[in-house]
């Protein structure tokens, strides 16, 4: 029997300016390559540098950067080390480009401002980031963003050498679960695919939910669309519904994944396709509400932003 090559691993390193993201990425890459692993190192500054001094915008660079990470993860390389993200939106943009089945270790760095300023001012090649006020604004913005960056591993860089930080990341990599087999990962995601009420009842019951029979037949006509996820046998293993107001606003509802298939990225994948299709339909906003324990899923994995909202229970 032919053995499947291991699924790719993506290490995403997020942090404020001058926190040592690049230094950590280079040292981690060196250590991993020393073990015989094949490693691709992708960083946002290098992508932006390809177009300097005529760089259209950082938004342009961030998009190209995310595309490049996705292409690297689609190869047979063992590990892709990516550095340069500093917001949940940037993290999500990268996640949207990587192939289904890619294992991700998201490393979130924190750093002291004065130490970061000293690092920046000690590098003559740096530009605006050597300015105290500019760097302070970036660190303040990052501090406000931290609540949206749960990550898998959080590291405070001060008092640790790049080697020690890289070793901590390698230890986290060693503790990651192995990928499932290729056969198990053959899940097909479909927009507005055929689905019946009985399937949704059974899917909801699979994770302890209490479904109402006939629910889907009632609400389907009010949907912009829905995403279904099916395994190789055709079994429904994931679902999300997108309701809308007929104009600019769409609403994400009833995200579900089968209990036996959870923690495999299926929920994230169905939401990702729902976002793409709502955008393609011309919607300007996609809303979602959720219980507190799902905040990490919707805000970190799926890229939603927290916002003030209100709710009245009608019955």
Protein backbone atom coordinates (compact mmCIF):
# COMPACT_ATOMS: atom_id res chain seq x y z
CA UNK A 1 0.00 0.00 0.00
CA UNK A 2 1.32 3.44 -0.87
CA UNK A 3 2.06 5.56 2.18
CA UNK A 4 0.70 9.07 2.17
CA UNK A 5 3.17 11.86 2.83
CA UNK A 6 2.46 13.64 6.15
CA UNK A 7 0.14 16.61 5.90
CA UNK A 8 1.92 19.97 5.96
CA UNK A 9 2.45 21.89 9.19
CA UNK A 10 2.18 25.67 9.22
CA UNK A 11 3.80 27.62 12.04
CA UNK A 12 2.33 31.13 12.11
CA UNK A 13 4.29 33.66 14.18
CA UNK A 14 2.30 36.75 15.13
CA UNK A 15 3.57 39.75 17.07
CA UNK A 16 4.09 43.51 17.18
CA UNK A 17 6.87 45.32 15.33
CA UNK A 18 10.39 44.65 16.69
CA UNK A 19 9.25 41.78 18.92
CA UNK A 20 11.70 39.45 17.20
CA UNK A 21 9.34 37.63 14.86
CA UNK A 22 11.92 37.40 12.09
CA UNK A 23 14.71 36.38 14.46
CA UNK A 24 12.57 33.59 15.91
CA UNK A 25 11.45 32.44 12.45
CA UNK A 26 15.03 32.23 11.19
CA UNK A 27 16.23 30.34 14.28
CA UNK A 28 13.26 27.95 14.20
CA UNK A 29 13.89 27.27 10.52
CA UNK A 30 17.57 26.58 11.26
CA UNK A 31 16.74 24.15 14.06
CA UNK A 32 14.12 22.29 12.04
CA UNK A 33 16.39 21.96 9.02
CA UNK A 34 19.12 20.60 11.29
CA UNK A 35 16.80 17.66 12.04
CA UNK A 36 16.46 16.91 8.32
CA UNK A 37 13.04 18.50 7.86
CA UNK A 38 12.28 20.47 4.70
CA UNK A 39 11.21 23.98 5.69
CA UNK A 40 9.97 27.02 3.78
CA UNK A 41 10.31 30.40 5.49
CA UNK A 42 7.84 33.07 4.35
CA UNK A 43 7.83 36.58 5.78
CA UNK A 44 5.70 39.60 5.00
CA UNK A 45 8.58 42.08 4.84
CA UNK A 46 10.29 40.09 2.08
CA UNK A 47 7.08 40.02 0.06
CA UNK A 48 6.66 43.78 0.50
CA UNK A 49 10.31 44.32 -0.42
CA UNK A 50 9.73 42.73 -3.81
CA UNK A 51 7.72 45.82 -4.82
CA UNK A 52 9.61 48.58 -3.04
CA UNK A 53 9.84 51.49 -3.60
CA UNK A 54 6.64 51.23 -5.63
CA UNK A 55 4.67 49.07 -3.16
CA UNK A 56 0.98 49.85 -3.87
CA UNK A 57 -0.08 49.28 -0.24
CA UNK A 58 0.48 46.98 2.70
CA UNK A 59 -2.94 45.47 1.98
CA UNK A 60 -1.55 44.34 -1.37
CA UNK A 61 1.53 42.85 0.30
CA UNK A 62 -0.59 41.05 2.91
CA UNK A 63 -2.73 39.42 0.23
CA UNK A 64 0.28 38.24 -1.79
CA UNK A 65 1.90 37.02 1.41
CA UNK A 66 -1.18 34.97 2.32
CA UNK A 67 -1.34 33.50 -1.20
CA UNK A 68 2.33 32.52 -1.01
CA UNK A 69 1.87 30.77 2.33
CA UNK A 70 -1.06 28.85 0.88
CA UNK A 71 0.96 27.74 -2.14
CA UNK A 72 3.83 26.58 0.06
CA UNK A 73 1.45 24.56 2.22
CA UNK A 74 0.15 22.84 -0.93
CA UNK A 75 3.59 21.35 -1.66
CA UNK A 76 5.26 18.28 -0.18
CA UNK A 77 7.37 20.39 2.19
CA UNK A 78 7.33 19.34 5.84
CA UNK A 79 6.95 22.69 7.61
CA UNK A 80 6.08 26.21 6.48
CA UNK A 81 7.24 28.91 8.91
CA UNK A 82 5.33 32.15 8.39
CA UNK A 83 5.96 35.46 10.14
CA UNK A 84 4.57 38.92 9.68
CA UNK A 85 0.95 38.84 10.88
CA UNK A 86 -0.10 41.14 13.72
CA UNK A 87 -3.92 41.15 13.63
CA UNK A 88 -6.67 38.54 13.72
CA UNK A 89 -7.78 39.69 10.25
CA UNK A 90 -4.30 39.05 8.83
CA UNK A 91 -4.19 35.64 10.51
CA UNK A 92 -7.57 34.76 9.05
CA UNK A 93 -6.48 35.88 5.58
CA UNK A 94 -3.62 33.37 5.74
CA UNK A 95 -5.88 30.62 7.10
CA UNK A 96 -8.28 31.13 4.21
CA UNK A 97 -5.49 30.38 1.72
CA UNK A 98 -4.10 27.16 3.19
CA UNK A 99 -5.28 23.74 1.98
CA UNK A 100 -7.79 21.79 4.02
CA UNK A 101 -5.93 19.38 6.32
CA UNK A 102 -3.00 21.69 7.00
CA UNK A 103 -2.07 21.49 10.67
CA UNK A 104 -1.50 24.93 12.16
CA UNK A 105 0.51 26.00 15.19
CA UNK A 106 -0.23 29.66 15.85
CA UNK A 107 2.47 31.30 17.97
CA UNK A 108 1.55 34.66 19.51
CA UNK A 109 4.44 36.79 20.76
CA UNK A 110 4.33 39.53 23.37
CA UNK A 111 7.16 41.98 24.06
CA UNK A 112 8.02 44.95 26.25
CA UNK A 113 7.85 48.27 24.43
CA UNK A 114 11.17 49.72 25.60
CA UNK A 115 13.01 46.51 24.72
CA UNK A 116 11.35 46.50 21.30
CA UNK A 117 12.35 50.12 20.74
CA UNK A 118 15.95 49.27 21.61
CA UNK A 119 15.90 46.39 19.13
CA UNK A 120 14.44 48.59 16.40
CA UNK A 121 16.87 51.44 16.97
CA UNK A 122 19.74 48.96 16.96
CA UNK A 123 18.97 47.97 13.37
CA UNK A 124 20.06 50.75 10.98
CA UNK A 125 18.19 49.13 8.08
CA UNK A 126 14.86 49.77 9.76
CA UNK A 127 12.88 52.81 8.71
CA UNK A 128 9.82 54.28 10.41
CA UNK A 129 9.72 51.54 13.05
CA UNK A 130 12.74 53.15 14.76
CA UNK A 131 10.56 56.14 15.65
CA UNK A 132 9.32 55.99 19.25
CA UNK A 133 5.85 57.41 18.59
CA UNK A 134 5.24 55.19 15.57
CA UNK A 135 6.35 52.06 17.43
CA UNK A 136 4.30 53.01 20.51
CA UNK A 137 1.17 53.29 18.37
CA UNK A 138 1.85 49.86 16.88
CA UNK A 139 2.35 48.27 20.30
CA UNK A 140 -0.78 49.94 21.68
CA UNK A 141 -2.78 48.66 18.72
CA UNK A 142 -1.35 45.16 19.18
CA UNK A 143 -2.17 45.19 22.90
CA UNK A 144 -5.78 45.98 22.03
CA UNK A 145 -5.76 43.17 19.47
CA UNK A 146 -4.39 40.50 21.81
CA UNK A 147 -7.81 39.43 23.08
CA UNK A 148 -8.60 38.35 19.50
CA UNK A 149 -5.37 36.37 19.14
CA UNK A 150 -5.87 33.28 21.28
CA UNK A 151 -3.24 31.29 19.39
CA UNK A 152 -1.93 27.84 20.32
CA UNK A 153 1.26 29.02 22.04
CA UNK A 154 1.87 32.43 23.63
CA UNK A 155 5.48 33.44 24.30
CA UNK A 156 6.84 36.53 26.01
CA UNK A 157 10.14 37.18 24.27
CA UNK A 158 12.00 39.18 26.90
CA UNK A 159 14.59 37.25 28.90
CA UNK A 160 14.75 34.40 26.40
CA UNK A 161 17.23 33.83 23.62
CA UNK A 162 16.02 33.11 20.07
CA UNK A 163 17.27 29.54 20.56
CA UNK A 164 15.17 29.10 23.70
CA UNK A 165 12.09 30.53 22.00
CA UNK A 166 12.57 28.27 18.98
CA UNK A 167 12.97 25.26 21.27
CA UNK A 168 9.64 26.12 22.92
CA UNK A 169 7.97 26.20 19.51
CA UNK A 170 9.55 22.86 18.57
CA UNK A 171 8.24 21.33 21.80
CA UNK A 172 4.74 22.53 20.91
CA UNK A 173 5.13 21.08 17.42
CA UNK A 174 6.12 17.72 18.90
CA UNK A 175 2.92 17.72 20.95
CA UNK A 176 0.62 18.30 17.99
CA UNK A 177 -1.65 15.37 17.09
CA UNK A 178 -0.85 13.47 13.93
CA UNK A 179 -2.98 14.15 10.88
CA UNK A 180 -5.73 11.71 10.04
CA UNK A 181 -5.38 9.50 6.98
CA UNK A 182 -6.00 10.88 3.50
CA UNK A 183 -9.16 8.78 3.23
CA UNK A 184 -10.51 10.21 6.48
CA UNK A 185 -9.84 13.75 5.27
CA UNK A 186 -11.79 13.45 2.04
CA UNK A 187 -14.56 15.86 2.94
CA UNK A 188 -16.44 17.73 0.21
CA UNK A 189 -17.91 21.16 1.00
CA UNK A 190 -20.85 22.32 -1.14
CA UNK A 191 -22.80 25.56 -1.39
CA UNK A 192 -26.58 25.04 -1.65
CA UNK A 193 -26.18 21.30 -2.10
CA UNK A 194 -29.09 18.91 -1.66
CA UNK A 195 -29.83 18.27 2.01
CA UNK A 196 -32.97 17.09 3.79
CA UNK A 197 -34.48 17.69 7.19
CA UNK A 198 -33.83 14.17 8.45
CA UNK A 199 -30.09 14.54 7.83
CA UNK A 200 -29.94 17.75 9.82
CA UNK A 201 -31.91 16.21 12.67
CA UNK A 202 -29.49 13.31 12.82
CA UNK A 203 -26.44 15.60 12.57
CA UNK A 204 -27.71 17.74 15.44
CA UNK A 205 -28.43 14.69 17.60
CA UNK A 206 -24.90 13.39 16.97
CA UNK A 207 -23.43 16.05 19.25
CA UNK A 208 -26.18 16.06 21.87
CA UNK A 209 -28.41 18.73 20.34
CA UNK A 210 -32.20 18.75 20.55
CA UNK A 211 -33.43 19.33 16.98
CA UNK A 212 -36.98 20.17 15.95
CA UNK A 213 -38.26 17.89 13.22
CA UNK A 214 -39.30 19.90 10.17
CA UNK A 215 -37.09 22.86 11.08
CA UNK A 216 -35.05 22.84 7.87
CA UNK A 217 -38.06 22.56 5.62
CA UNK A 218 -39.45 25.69 7.32
CA UNK A 219 -36.39 27.96 7.22
CA UNK A 220 -34.70 26.90 3.98
CA UNK A 221 -36.75 29.30 1.86
CA UNK A 222 -35.39 32.26 3.83
CA UNK A 223 -31.76 31.36 3.26
CA UNK A 224 -29.27 33.02 0.97
CA UNK A 225 -27.66 29.60 0.96
CA UNK A 226 -26.04 26.96 3.12
CA UNK A 227 -22.90 24.89 3.22
CA UNK A 228 -22.89 21.13 3.66
CA UNK A 229 -19.82 18.99 4.35
CA UNK A 230 -19.94 15.31 3.42
CA UNK A 231 -17.40 12.54 3.88
CA UNK A 232 -16.41 10.03 1.21
CA UNK A 233 -19.55 7.94 1.92
CA UNK A 234 -21.87 10.93 1.54
CA UNK A 235 -22.52 11.21 5.29
CA UNK A 236 -23.34 14.75 6.38
CA UNK A 237 -20.55 15.78 8.77
CA UNK A 238 -20.87 19.58 8.80
CA UNK A 239 -23.36 22.35 8.06
CA UNK A 240 -23.98 26.09 8.35
CA UNK A 241 -26.93 28.18 7.18
CA UNK A 242 -26.76 31.76 5.83
CA UNK A 243 -29.96 33.78 6.22
CA UNK A 244 -30.22 37.28 4.81
CA UNK A 245 -32.31 40.43 4.58
CA UNK A 246 -32.38 40.49 0.80
CA UNK A 247 -29.79 43.27 0.72
CA UNK A 248 -26.47 43.99 2.42
CA UNK A 249 -26.81 41.89 5.56
CA UNK A 250 -26.36 38.12 5.91
CA UNK A 251 -26.56 36.09 9.10
CA UNK A 252 -24.58 32.96 9.96
CA UNK A 253 -26.75 30.41 11.76
CA UNK A 254 -26.61 26.87 13.11
CA UNK A 255 -22.98 25.95 12.54
CA UNK A 256 -22.71 22.22 13.19
CA UNK A 257 -20.17 19.43 12.85
CA UNK A 258 -20.66 15.76 13.61
CA UNK A 259 -19.35 14.74 17.04
CA UNK A 260 -17.11 12.05 15.54
CA UNK A 261 -15.54 14.57 13.13
CA UNK A 262 -14.89 17.53 15.40
CA UNK A 263 -11.47 19.18 15.85
CA UNK A 264 -10.68 18.45 12.20
CA UNK A 265 -11.32 21.90 10.74
CA UNK A 266 -14.73 21.07 9.29
CA UNK A 267 -16.54 23.83 11.18
CA UNK A 268 -13.96 26.38 10.08
CA UNK A 269 -14.18 25.16 6.49
CA UNK A 270 -17.99 25.44 6.24
CA UNK A 271 -17.87 28.96 7.70
CA UNK A 272 -15.07 29.92 5.31
CA UNK A 273 -17.13 28.86 2.29
CA UNK A 274 -20.20 30.64 3.68
CA UNK A 275 -18.17 33.86 3.97
CA UNK A 276 -16.94 33.52 0.39
CA UNK A 277 -20.43 32.92 -0.98
CA UNK A 278 -22.02 35.76 1.00
CA UNK A 279 -19.34 38.08 -0.33
CA UNK A 280 -19.89 36.80 -3.89
CA UNK A 281 -23.63 37.48 -3.51
CA UNK A 282 -22.88 41.15 -2.85
CA UNK A 283 -23.51 41.22 0.90
CA UNK A 284 -21.58 43.86 2.81
CA UNK A 285 -21.89 42.40 6.30
CA UNK A 286 -22.05 38.87 7.73
CA UNK A 287 -23.36 38.71 11.30
CA UNK A 288 -23.07 35.96 13.88
CA UNK A 289 -23.91 35.61 17.56
CA UNK A 290 -22.58 32.87 19.81
CA UNK A 291 -22.19 31.71 23.39
CA UNK A 292 -19.00 32.76 25.24
CA UNK A 293 -17.29 29.36 24.94
CA UNK A 294 -17.41 29.68 21.12
CA UNK A 295 -15.64 33.04 21.02
CA UNK A 296 -12.27 31.52 20.14
CA UNK A 297 -13.79 29.60 17.21
CA UNK A 298 -15.63 32.55 15.66
CA UNK A 299 -13.18 35.35 16.48
CA UNK A 300 -9.84 33.56 16.09
CA UNK A 301 -10.42 30.66 13.69
CA UNK A 302 -13.14 32.26 11.55
CA UNK A 303 -12.08 35.90 11.60
CA UNK A 304 -15.21 37.61 12.95
CA UNK A 305 -14.76 40.88 14.83
CA UNK A 306 -16.40 41.57 18.20
CA UNK A 307 -19.05 44.30 18.13
CA UNK A 308 -21.79 45.70 20.35
CA UNK A 309 -25.21 44.17 19.72
CA UNK A 310 -28.59 43.72 21.36
CA UNK A 311 -31.09 40.89 21.70
CA UNK A 312 -34.70 40.57 22.80
CA UNK A 313 -36.20 37.14 23.55
CA UNK A 314 -39.64 37.08 21.92
CA UNK A 315 -40.91 33.71 23.14
